[in-house]
Amino acid sequence: MKKHTFLLTTAFISLLTTRNAAQDSALLHLVSDVASKGTAQISLHVDAAIEVAQWDHDYLKVEIQVTQSNLNLAQLKSLAATGFFKVETLGNAANLVLNMPDQLLPVQVNGMKPANEMTFKIAVPRYAPVTRYGELTDLLVGK
């Protein structure tokens, strides 16, 4: 009986450790809300993996995770403070465009150009179809 209890306890601790490690795998995690302005369509112009979900709110929730980088956490936070990871919107009621214009700037940190791998999780209003780079995306989750 003691052996089974020990094995179950060990398995439970391993599960918790693995789960926490998976959640903390992002070097930097940023979240922002963006007004949707009642737009008819949303266009995503970012160079990263994107996961789109629909929800029943009238704004967008944008989560950015930097999963790999040649910079350390302090350097990434410094870049974030300057607006390097800021998502900007352009457009009108017909089309709202999300992009990250500062990603195109020639930035260097300690002589290194940032090489970041990012993932985006974007929650959009149910009524707004999403396109990426001008093409209808099939990334919608929870239709």
C-alpha atoms as a PDB file:
ATOM      1  CA  MET A   1       0.000   0.000   0.000  1.00  0.00           C
ATOM      2  CA  LYS A   2       2.827   2.387   0.887  1.00  0.00           C
ATOM      3  CA  LYS A   3       4.479   1.597  -2.432  1.00  0.00           C
ATOM      4  CA  HIS A   4       1.311   2.519  -4.366  1.00  0.00           C
ATOM      5  CA  THR A   5       0.871   5.742  -2.391  1.00  0.00           C
ATOM      6  CA  PHE A   6       4.493   6.678  -3.090  1.00  0.00           C
ATOM      7  CA  LEU A   7       4.101   5.961  -6.812  1.00  0.00           C
ATOM      8  CA  LEU A   8       0.865   7.943  -7.038  1.00  0.00           C
ATOM      9  CA  THR A   9       2.425  10.879  -5.189  1.00  0.00           C
ATOM     10  CA  THR A  10       5.487  10.784  -7.450  1.00  0.00           C
ATOM     11  CA  ALA A  11       3.309  10.646 -10.571  1.00  0.00           C
ATOM     12  CA  PHE A  12       1.204  13.568  -9.336  1.00  0.00           C
ATOM     13  CA  ILE A  13       4.269  15.724  -8.606  1.00  0.00           C
ATOM     14  CA  SER A  14       5.734  14.847 -12.012  1.00  0.00           C
ATOM     15  CA  LEU A  15       2.472  15.849 -13.688  1.00  0.00           C
ATOM     16  CA  LEU A  16       2.403  19.201 -11.879  1.00  0.00           C
ATOM     17  CA  THR A  17       6.050  19.904 -12.680  1.00  0.00           C
ATOM     18  CA  THR A  18       5.563  19.057 -16.364  1.00  0.00           C
ATOM     19  CA  ARG A  19       2.413  21.180 -16.572  1.00  0.00           C
ATOM     20  CA  ASN A  20       4.095  24.202 -14.936  1.00  0.00           C
ATOM     21  CA  ALA A  21       7.145  23.854 -17.172  1.00  0.00           C
ATOM     22  CA  ALA A  22       4.927  23.823 -20.260  1.00  0.00           C
ATOM     23  CA  GLN A  23       3.051  26.926 -19.106  1.00  0.00           C
ATOM     24  CA  ASP A  24       6.281  28.775 -18.313  1.00  0.00           C
ATOM     25  CA  SER A  25       8.042  27.850 -21.561  1.00  0.00           C
ATOM     26  CA  ALA A  26       7.513  31.345 -23.019  1.00  0.00           C
ATOM     27  CA  LEU A  27      10.363  33.743 -22.364  1.00  0.00           C
ATOM     28  CA  LEU A  28       8.018  36.719 -22.460  1.00  0.00           C
ATOM     29  CA  HIS A  29       4.210  36.826 -22.321  1.00  0.00           C
ATOM     30  CA  LEU A  30       2.352  40.030 -23.230  1.00  0.00           C
ATOM     31  CA  VAL A  31      -1.416  40.588 -23.253  1.00  0.00           C
ATOM     32  CA  SER A  32      -3.354  43.557 -24.586  1.00  0.00           C
ATOM     33  CA  ASP A  33      -6.911  44.430 -25.504  1.00  0.00           C
ATOM     34  CA  VAL A  34      -7.673  46.160 -28.792  1.00  0.00           C
ATOM     35  CA  ALA A  35     -10.914  47.992 -29.622  1.00  0.00           C
ATOM     36  CA  SER A  36     -12.577  46.356 -32.613  1.00  0.00           C
ATOM     37  CA  LYS A  37     -14.471  49.526 -33.575  1.00  0.00           C
ATOM     38  CA  GLY A  38     -17.393  47.357 -34.758  1.00  0.00           C
ATOM     39  CA  THR A  39     -15.344  46.310 -37.760  1.00  0.00           C
ATOM     40  CA  ALA A  40     -16.730  44.009 -40.423  1.00  0.00           C
ATOM     41  CA  GLN A  41     -13.409  42.169 -40.973  1.00  0.00           C
ATOM     42  CA  ILE A  42     -10.062  41.818 -39.207  1.00  0.00           C
ATOM     43  CA  SER A  43      -6.755  41.409 -41.078  1.00  0.00           C
ATOM     44  CA  LEU A  44      -3.662  40.074 -39.331  1.00  0.00           C
ATOM     45  CA  HIS A  45      -0.311  41.256 -40.645  1.00  0.00           C
ATOM     46  CA  VAL A  46       2.218  39.654 -38.311  1.00  0.00           C
ATOM     47  CA  ASP A  47       5.003  37.223 -39.059  1.00  0.00           C
ATOM     48  CA  ALA A  48       4.380  34.534 -36.469  1.00  0.00           C
ATOM     49  CA  ALA A  49       2.275  31.505 -35.654  1.00  0.00           C
ATOM     50  CA  ILE A  50      -1.295  32.655 -34.988  1.00  0.00           C
ATOM     51  CA  GLU A  51      -4.123  30.916 -33.158  1.00  0.00           C
ATOM     52  CA  VAL A  52      -7.481  32.644 -33.553  1.00  0.00           C
ATOM     53  CA  ALA A  53     -10.526  32.059 -31.365  1.00  0.00           C
ATOM     54  CA  GLN A  54     -13.922  33.695 -31.483  1.00  0.00           C
ATOM     55  CA  TRP A  55     -15.637  35.051 -28.414  1.00  0.00           C
ATOM     56  CA  ASP A  56     -18.688  37.076 -27.377  1.00  0.00           C
ATOM     57  CA  HIS A  57     -16.950  40.383 -26.631  1.00  0.00           C
ATOM     58  CA  ASP A  58     -16.768  43.517 -28.763  1.00  0.00           C
ATOM     59  CA  TYR A  59     -12.967  43.839 -28.572  1.00  0.00           C
ATOM     60  CA  LEU A  60      -9.911  41.791 -29.429  1.00  0.00           C
ATOM     61  CA  LYS A  61      -7.627  40.161 -26.889  1.00  0.00           C
ATOM     62  CA  VAL A  62      -4.084  39.726 -28.178  1.00  0.00           C
ATOM     63  CA  GLU A  63      -1.609  37.465 -26.379  1.00  0.00           C
ATOM     64  CA  ILE A  64       1.980  37.436 -27.603  1.00  0.00           C
ATOM     65  CA  GLN A  65       4.422  34.815 -26.414  1.00  0.00           C
ATOM     66  CA  VAL A  66       8.101  35.014 -27.270  1.00  0.00           C
ATOM     67  CA  THR A  67       9.021  31.338 -27.215  1.00  0.00           C
ATOM     68  CA  GLN A  68      12.639  31.574 -28.393  1.00  0.00           C
ATOM     69  CA  SER A  69      15.074  34.445 -28.659  1.00  0.00           C
ATOM     70  CA  ASN A  70      18.758  35.233 -28.879  1.00  0.00           C
ATOM     71  CA  LEU A  71      18.122  37.798 -26.115  1.00  0.00           C
ATOM     72  CA  ASN A  72      17.671  37.243 -22.393  1.00  0.00           C
ATOM     73  CA  LEU A  73      14.556  38.156 -20.409  1.00  0.00           C
ATOM     74  CA  ALA A  74      15.890  41.545 -19.264  1.00  0.00           C
ATOM     75  CA  GLN A  75      16.678  42.501 -22.866  1.00  0.00           C
ATOM     76  CA  LEU A  76      13.241  41.335 -24.060  1.00  0.00           C
ATOM     77  CA  LYS A  77      11.534  43.355 -21.315  1.00  0.00           C
ATOM     78  CA  SER A  78      13.581  46.389 -22.346  1.00  0.00           C
ATOM     79  CA  LEU A  79      12.411  45.973 -25.944  1.00  0.00           C
ATOM     80  CA  ALA A  80       8.816  45.582 -24.764  1.00  0.00           C
ATOM     81  CA  ALA A  81       9.086  48.832 -22.779  1.00  0.00           C
ATOM     82  CA  THR A  82      10.121  50.670 -25.962  1.00  0.00           C
ATOM     83  CA  GLY A  83       7.053  49.359 -27.832  1.00  0.00           C
ATOM     84  CA  PHE A  84       8.928  46.820 -29.959  1.00  0.00           C
ATOM     85  CA  PHE A  85       6.167  44.218 -29.442  1.00  0.00           C
ATOM     86  CA  LYS A  86       3.265  46.683 -29.605  1.00  0.00           C
ATOM     87  CA  VAL A  87       0.335  45.676 -31.789  1.00  0.00           C
ATOM     88  CA  GLU A  88      -1.063  48.619 -33.730  1.00  0.00           C
ATOM     89  CA  THR A  89      -4.331  48.943 -35.584  1.00  0.00           C
ATOM     90  CA  LEU A  90      -5.183  50.681 -38.827  1.00  0.00           C
ATOM     91  CA  GLY A  91      -8.424  50.808 -40.706  1.00  0.00           C
ATOM     92  CA  ASN A  92     -12.076  51.648 -40.399  1.00  0.00           C
ATOM     93  CA  ALA A  93     -15.445  49.981 -39.885  1.00  0.00           C
ATOM     94  CA  ALA A  94     -14.938  47.842 -43.005  1.00  0.00           C
ATOM     95  CA  ASN A  95     -11.507  46.403 -42.189  1.00  0.00           C
ATOM     96  CA  LEU A  96      -9.328  46.532 -39.084  1.00  0.00           C
ATOM     97  CA  VAL A  97      -5.650  45.698 -39.686  1.00  0.00           C
ATOM     98  CA  LEU A  98      -3.399  44.495 -36.857  1.00  0.00           C
ATOM     99  CA  ASN A  99       0.338  44.757 -37.348  1.00  0.00           C
ATOM    100  CA  MET A 100       3.606  45.220 -35.460  1.00  0.00           C
ATOM    101  CA  PRO A 101       5.448  47.979 -37.340  1.00  0.00           C
ATOM    102  CA  ASP A 102       8.364  48.205 -34.884  1.00  0.00           C
ATOM    103  CA  GLN A 103       9.368  44.636 -35.793  1.00  0.00           C
ATOM    104  CA  LEU A 104      10.631  46.069 -39.093  1.00  0.00           C
ATOM    105  CA  LEU A 105      12.917  48.649 -37.460  1.00  0.00           C
ATOM    106  CA  PRO A 106      16.692  48.035 -37.545  1.00  0.00           C
ATOM    107  CA  VAL A 107      17.033  47.434 -33.788  1.00  0.00           C
ATOM    108  CA  GLN A 108      20.109  46.024 -32.060  1.00  0.00           C
ATOM    109  CA  VAL A 109      20.636  45.030 -28.439  1.00  0.00           C
ATOM    110  CA  ASN A 110      24.292  44.742 -27.421  1.00  0.00           C
ATOM    111  CA  GLY A 111      25.201  44.496 -31.101  1.00  0.00           C
ATOM    112  CA  MET A 112      22.649  41.743 -31.811  1.00  0.00           C
ATOM    113  CA  LYS A 113      19.566  42.020 -33.985  1.00  0.00           C
ATOM    114  CA  PRO A 114      16.641  40.413 -32.117  1.00  0.00           C
ATOM    115  CA  ALA A 115      15.778  36.983 -33.496  1.00  0.00           C
ATOM    116  CA  ASN A 116      12.515  36.109 -31.800  1.00  0.00           C
ATOM    117  CA  GLU A 117      10.095  33.274 -32.384  1.00  0.00           C
ATOM    118  CA  MET A 118       6.621  34.382 -31.369  1.00  0.00           C
ATOM    119  CA  THR A 119       3.170  32.918 -31.178  1.00  0.00           C
ATOM    120  CA  PHE A 120      -0.052  34.893 -31.113  1.00  0.00           C
ATOM    121  CA  LYS A 121      -3.354  33.951 -29.545  1.00  0.00           C
ATOM    122  CA  ILE A 122      -6.029  36.355 -30.691  1.00  0.00           C
ATOM    123  CA  ALA A 123      -9.648  36.332 -29.535  1.00  0.00           C
ATOM    124  CA  VAL A 124     -11.930  38.169 -31.952  1.00  0.00           C
ATOM    125  CA  PRO A 125     -15.654  39.049 -31.920  1.00  0.00           C
ATOM    126  CA  ARG A 126     -17.816  36.307 -33.449  1.00  0.00           C
ATOM    127  CA  TYR A 127     -19.253  38.619 -36.084  1.00  0.00           C
ATOM    128  CA  ALA A 128     -15.866  39.553 -37.602  1.00  0.00           C
ATOM    129  CA  PRO A 129     -14.207  37.199 -40.116  1.00  0.00           C
ATOM    130  CA  VAL A 130     -10.417  37.074 -39.970  1.00  0.00           C
ATOM    131  CA  THR A 131      -7.917  37.231 -42.821  1.00  0.00           C
ATOM    132  CA  ARG A 132      -4.172  36.904 -42.746  1.00  0.00           C
ATOM    133  CA  TYR A 133      -2.085  38.706 -45.350  1.00  0.00           C
ATOM    134  CA  GLY A 134      -5.192  39.263 -47.453  1.00  0.00           C
ATOM    135  CA  GLU A 135      -6.304  35.612 -47.584  1.00  0.00           C
ATOM    136  CA  LEU A 136      -9.180  34.099 -45.645  1.00  0.00           C
ATOM    137  CA  THR A 137      -7.742  32.049 -42.809  1.00  0.00           C
ATOM    138  CA  ASP A 138      -8.920  28.660 -41.646  1.00  0.00           C
ATOM    139  CA  LEU A 139      -7.359  29.200 -38.225  1.00  0.00           C
ATOM    140  CA  LEU A 140     -10.690  29.970 -36.591  1.00  0.00           C
ATOM    141  CA  VAL A 141     -11.310  27.897 -33.507  1.00  0.00           C
ATOM    142  CA  GLY A 142     -14.643  27.321 -31.850  1.00  0.00           C
ATOM    143  CA  LYS A 143     -16.884  28.159 -34.805  1.00  0.00           C
END
